[in-house]
Amino acid sequence: MILETQRLFLREMTLSDLDPLLVVLGDAESMRYYPKPFDREMVQNWIDRHCRSYAQHSLGLWAMVLKATGEVIGDCELIWQEVEGHQELEIGYHVRRDQQMQGYATEAASACQDYDKNIKYPVSPAFAFQVRRQPYPVPAPVVPP
């Protein structure tokens, strides 16, 4: 486990997360701003990518796990993304559709921001994280400290 919030554990993804993440990343509605929903092979590549990122950069999307049930309901963390030709840190997340609108993304993103600011990467107060709710990355309000 990397982080714990009131309702969540955040930990490194493993291949055992493939099936629950397929439910999240394979959902057409949740992935509407991606080129297409992920299939099983794409989810495996997604997990592999973040495992490499853990090794190379000490960061990557972490599995978002409900404390109450142990279910993986998504992912969240800082990740390097290319934005207009430049590498920028982004707080990204995906939450299983039946668990959306319950504050899990905000709870996880806020914990990640605090963790990254205090532990690994200083993040200025003006840092705005990107969310994939638009057809392209757009700044979103900063999660308050």
C-alpha atoms as a PDB file:
ATOM      1  CA  MET A   1       0.000   0.000   0.000  1.00  0.00           C
ATOM      2  CA  ILE A   2       1.266   3.477  -0.906  1.00  0.00           C
ATOM      3  CA  LEU A   3      -1.511   5.671   0.496  1.00  0.00           C
ATOM      4  CA  GLU A   4      -4.572   5.308   2.661  1.00  0.00           C
ATOM      5  CA  THR A   5      -7.525   7.704   2.769  1.00  0.00           C
ATOM      6  CA  GLN A   6     -10.735   7.513   4.757  1.00  0.00           C
ATOM      7  CA  ARG A   7     -12.309   5.070   2.271  1.00  0.00           C
ATOM      8  CA  LEU A   8      -9.503   3.977  -0.062  1.00  0.00           C
ATOM      9  CA  PHE A   9      -6.151   2.266  -0.341  1.00  0.00           C
ATOM     10  CA  LEU A  10      -3.889   3.256  -3.232  1.00  0.00           C
ATOM     11  CA  ARG A  11      -1.232   0.749  -4.253  1.00  0.00           C
ATOM     12  CA  GLU A  12       0.867  -0.238  -7.235  1.00  0.00           C
ATOM     13  CA  MET A  13      -1.057  -2.078  -9.939  1.00  0.00           C
ATOM     14  CA  THR A  14      -0.282  -5.717 -10.624  1.00  0.00           C
ATOM     15  CA  LEU A  15      -1.407  -8.125 -13.321  1.00  0.00           C
ATOM     16  CA  SER A  16      -3.945  -9.487 -10.822  1.00  0.00           C
ATOM     17  CA  ASP A  17      -5.789  -6.169 -11.329  1.00  0.00           C
ATOM     18  CA  LEU A  18      -6.389  -6.911 -15.010  1.00  0.00           C
ATOM     19  CA  ASP A  19     -10.029  -8.044 -14.688  1.00  0.00           C
ATOM     20  CA  PRO A  20     -11.251  -5.244 -12.401  1.00  0.00           C
ATOM     21  CA  LEU A  21      -9.417  -2.620 -14.460  1.00  0.00           C
ATOM     22  CA  LEU A  22     -10.925  -4.065 -17.644  1.00  0.00           C
ATOM     23  CA  VAL A  23     -14.356  -3.225 -16.191  1.00  0.00           C
ATOM     24  CA  VAL A  24     -13.209   0.391 -15.706  1.00  0.00           C
ATOM     25  CA  LEU A  25     -11.092   0.932 -18.825  1.00  0.00           C
ATOM     26  CA  GLY A  26     -13.277  -1.195 -21.090  1.00  0.00           C
ATOM     27  CA  ASP A  27     -16.406   0.834 -20.371  1.00  0.00           C
ATOM     28  CA  ALA A  28     -17.375   2.801 -23.500  1.00  0.00           C
ATOM     29  CA  GLU A  29     -19.035   5.632 -21.571  1.00  0.00           C
ATOM     30  CA  SER A  30     -16.170   6.092 -19.114  1.00  0.00           C
ATOM     31  CA  MET A  31     -13.612   5.984 -21.932  1.00  0.00           C
ATOM     32  CA  ARG A  32     -15.525   8.199 -24.380  1.00  0.00           C
ATOM     33  CA  TYR A  33     -12.642  10.691 -24.685  1.00  0.00           C
ATOM     34  CA  TYR A  34     -10.119   7.996 -25.470  1.00  0.00           C
ATOM     35  CA  PRO A  35      -9.836   6.666 -29.015  1.00  0.00           C
ATOM     36  CA  LYS A  36     -11.738   3.555 -27.901  1.00  0.00           C
ATOM     37  CA  PRO A  37     -12.486   1.513 -24.793  1.00  0.00           C
ATOM     38  CA  PHE A  38      -9.663  -0.803 -23.794  1.00  0.00           C
ATOM     39  CA  ASP A  39      -9.725  -4.498 -24.563  1.00  0.00           C
ATOM     40  CA  ARG A  40      -7.948  -7.080 -22.388  1.00  0.00           C
ATOM     41  CA  GLU A  41      -4.606  -6.701 -24.188  1.00  0.00           C
ATOM     42  CA  MET A  42      -4.739  -2.901 -23.886  1.00  0.00           C
ATOM     43  CA  VAL A  43      -5.412  -3.155 -20.140  1.00  0.00           C
ATOM     44  CA  GLN A  44      -2.464  -5.535 -19.763  1.00  0.00           C
ATOM     45  CA  ASN A  45      -0.281  -3.036 -21.654  1.00  0.00           C
ATOM     46  CA  TRP A  46      -1.662  -0.251 -19.414  1.00  0.00           C
ATOM     47  CA  ILE A  47      -0.648  -2.154 -16.291  1.00  0.00           C
ATOM     48  CA  ASP A  48       2.780  -2.971 -17.780  1.00  0.00           C
ATOM     49  CA  ARG A  49       3.302   0.705 -18.677  1.00  0.00           C
ATOM     50  CA  HIS A  50       2.614   1.815 -15.125  1.00  0.00           C
ATOM     51  CA  CYS A  51       4.785  -0.930 -13.647  1.00  0.00           C
ATOM     52  CA  ARG A  52       7.649   0.382 -15.820  1.00  0.00           C
ATOM     53  CA  SER A  53       6.846   3.915 -14.680  1.00  0.00           C
ATOM     54  CA  TYR A  54       7.082   2.844 -11.019  1.00  0.00           C
ATOM     55  CA  ALA A  55      10.571   1.501 -11.714  1.00  0.00           C
ATOM     56  CA  GLN A  56      11.742   4.445 -13.830  1.00  0.00           C
ATOM     57  CA  HIS A  57      10.075   7.439 -12.170  1.00  0.00           C
ATOM     58  CA  SER A  58       8.757   6.166  -8.814  1.00  0.00           C
ATOM     59  CA  LEU A  59       5.281   7.154  -9.926  1.00  0.00           C
ATOM     60  CA  GLY A  60       2.458   5.963 -12.127  1.00  0.00           C
ATOM     61  CA  LEU A  61      -1.241   5.343 -11.764  1.00  0.00           C
ATOM     62  CA  TRP A  62      -1.984   3.354  -8.625  1.00  0.00           C
ATOM     63  CA  ALA A  63      -4.839   0.900  -8.161  1.00  0.00           C
ATOM     64  CA  MET A  64      -7.713   2.517  -6.255  1.00  0.00           C
ATOM     65  CA  VAL A  65      -9.081  -0.032  -3.768  1.00  0.00           C
ATOM     66  CA  LEU A  66     -12.176   0.287  -1.597  1.00  0.00           C
ATOM     67  CA  LYS A  67     -11.208  -0.343   2.024  1.00  0.00           C
ATOM     68  CA  ALA A  68     -14.628  -1.737   2.876  1.00  0.00           C
ATOM     69  CA  THR A  69     -14.602  -4.501   0.246  1.00  0.00           C
ATOM     70  CA  GLY A  70     -11.064  -4.782  -1.160  1.00  0.00           C
ATOM     71  CA  GLU A  71     -12.441  -4.144  -4.676  1.00  0.00           C
ATOM     72  CA  VAL A  72     -10.295  -2.352  -7.251  1.00  0.00           C
ATOM     73  CA  ILE A  73     -12.577   0.411  -8.535  1.00  0.00           C
ATOM     74  CA  GLY A  74     -10.117   2.402 -10.623  1.00  0.00           C
ATOM     75  CA  ASP A  75      -6.740   4.094 -10.638  1.00  0.00           C
ATOM     76  CA  CYS A  76      -5.257   7.460  -9.634  1.00  0.00           C
ATOM     77  CA  GLU A  77      -1.859   9.156  -9.297  1.00  0.00           C
ATOM     78  CA  LEU A  78       0.625  11.471 -10.902  1.00  0.00           C
ATOM     79  CA  ILE A  79       1.821  10.407 -14.309  1.00  0.00           C
ATOM     80  CA  TRP A  80       4.023  12.057 -16.913  1.00  0.00           C
ATOM     81  CA  GLN A  81       2.002  12.995 -20.007  1.00  0.00           C
ATOM     82  CA  GLU A  82       2.959  14.717 -23.206  1.00  0.00           C
ATOM     83  CA  VAL A  83       0.986  17.955 -23.545  1.00  0.00           C
ATOM     84  CA  GLU A  84       1.617  20.085 -26.625  1.00  0.00           C
ATOM     85  CA  GLY A  85       5.063  18.561 -27.075  1.00  0.00           C
ATOM     86  CA  HIS A  86       6.160  18.934 -23.433  1.00  0.00           C
ATOM     87  CA  GLN A  87       6.249  16.421 -20.585  1.00  0.00           C
ATOM     88  CA  GLU A  88       4.005  17.563 -17.732  1.00  0.00           C
ATOM     89  CA  LEU A  89       2.849  15.929 -14.531  1.00  0.00           C
ATOM     90  CA  GLU A  90      -0.836  15.126 -14.506  1.00  0.00           C
ATOM     91  CA  ILE A  91      -3.043  13.821 -11.736  1.00  0.00           C
ATOM     92  CA  GLY A  92      -5.136  11.328 -13.598  1.00  0.00           C
ATOM     93  CA  TYR A  93      -7.812   8.915 -12.519  1.00  0.00           C
ATOM     94  CA  HIS A  94     -10.400   6.479 -13.772  1.00  0.00           C
ATOM     95  CA  VAL A  95     -13.276   5.261 -11.604  1.00  0.00           C
ATOM     96  CA  ARG A  96     -15.622   2.386 -12.337  1.00  0.00           C
ATOM     97  CA  ARG A  97     -18.896   3.869 -13.556  1.00  0.00           C
ATOM     98  CA  ASP A  98     -21.069   2.434 -10.767  1.00  0.00           C
ATOM     99  CA  GLN A  99     -18.717   4.063  -8.218  1.00  0.00           C
ATOM    100  CA  GLN A 100     -18.602   7.516  -9.838  1.00  0.00           C
ATOM    101  CA  MET A 101     -20.127  10.612  -8.232  1.00  0.00           C
ATOM    102  CA  GLN A 102     -19.298   9.390  -4.728  1.00  0.00           C
ATOM    103  CA  GLY A 103     -16.188  11.511  -4.206  1.00  0.00           C
ATOM    104  CA  TYR A 104     -13.638   8.722  -4.693  1.00  0.00           C
ATOM    105  CA  ALA A 105     -11.731  10.521  -7.466  1.00  0.00           C
ATOM    106  CA  THR A 106     -11.491  13.737  -5.438  1.00  0.00           C
ATOM    107  CA  GLU A 107     -10.469  11.823  -2.308  1.00  0.00           C
ATOM    108  CA  ALA A 108      -7.765   9.897  -4.163  1.00  0.00           C
ATOM    109  CA  ALA A 109      -6.522  12.879  -6.208  1.00  0.00           C
ATOM    110  CA  SER A 110      -6.283  15.075  -3.106  1.00  0.00           C
ATOM    111  CA  ALA A 111      -4.275  12.405  -1.258  1.00  0.00           C
ATOM    112  CA  CYS A 112      -1.995  11.961  -4.285  1.00  0.00           C
ATOM    113  CA  GLN A 113      -1.425  15.693  -4.567  1.00  0.00           C
ATOM    114  CA  ASP A 114      -0.482  15.927  -0.890  1.00  0.00           C
ATOM    115  CA  TYR A 115       1.758  12.856  -1.113  1.00  0.00           C
ATOM    116  CA  ASP A 116       3.546  14.028  -4.227  1.00  0.00           C
ATOM    117  CA  LYS A 117       3.948  17.583  -2.968  1.00  0.00           C
ATOM    118  CA  ASN A 118       5.385  16.481   0.359  1.00  0.00           C
ATOM    119  CA  ILE A 119       7.286  13.327  -0.585  1.00  0.00           C
ATOM    120  CA  LYS A 120       8.467  13.179  -4.181  1.00  0.00           C
ATOM    121  CA  TYR A 121       7.714  16.125  -6.425  1.00  0.00           C
ATOM    122  CA  PRO A 122       7.114  19.625  -5.164  1.00  0.00           C
ATOM    123  CA  VAL A 123       3.898  20.783  -6.813  1.00  0.00           C
ATOM    124  CA  SER A 124       3.301  24.519  -6.790  1.00  0.00           C
ATOM    125  CA  PRO A 125      -0.065  25.790  -5.534  1.00  0.00           C
ATOM    126  CA  ALA A 126      -0.774  26.935  -9.088  1.00  0.00           C
ATOM    127  CA  PHE A 127      -0.381  23.393 -10.443  1.00  0.00           C
ATOM    128  CA  ALA A 128      -3.594  22.422 -12.222  1.00  0.00           C
ATOM    129  CA  PHE A 129      -4.171  18.771 -12.903  1.00  0.00           C
ATOM    130  CA  GLN A 130      -5.626  17.491 -16.119  1.00  0.00           C
ATOM    131  CA  VAL A 131      -8.748  15.405 -16.391  1.00  0.00           C
ATOM    132  CA  ARG A 132      -9.990  13.473 -19.375  1.00  0.00           C
ATOM    133  CA  ARG A 133     -13.550  14.819 -19.281  1.00  0.00           C
ATOM    134  CA  GLN A 134     -12.959  16.813 -22.449  1.00  0.00           C
ATOM    135  CA  PRO A 135     -11.861  15.599 -25.885  1.00  0.00           C
ATOM    136  CA  TYR A 136      -8.436  17.010 -25.004  1.00  0.00           C
ATOM    137  CA  PRO A 137      -6.598  17.670 -21.745  1.00  0.00           C
ATOM    138  CA  VAL A 138      -7.827  20.864 -20.081  1.00  0.00           C
ATOM    139  CA  PRO A 139      -6.828  22.420 -16.769  1.00  0.00           C
ATOM    140  CA  ALA A 140      -9.205  21.586 -13.960  1.00  0.00           C
ATOM    141  CA  PRO A 141      -9.484  23.272 -10.581  1.00  0.00           C
ATOM    142  CA  VAL A 142      -6.699  22.380  -8.198  1.00  0.00           C
ATOM    143  CA  VAL A 143      -7.834  20.074  -5.423  1.00  0.00           C
ATOM    144  CA  PRO A 144      -7.537  22.267  -2.322  1.00  0.00           C
ATOM    145  CA  PRO A 145      -4.755  21.357   0.109  1.00  0.00           C
END
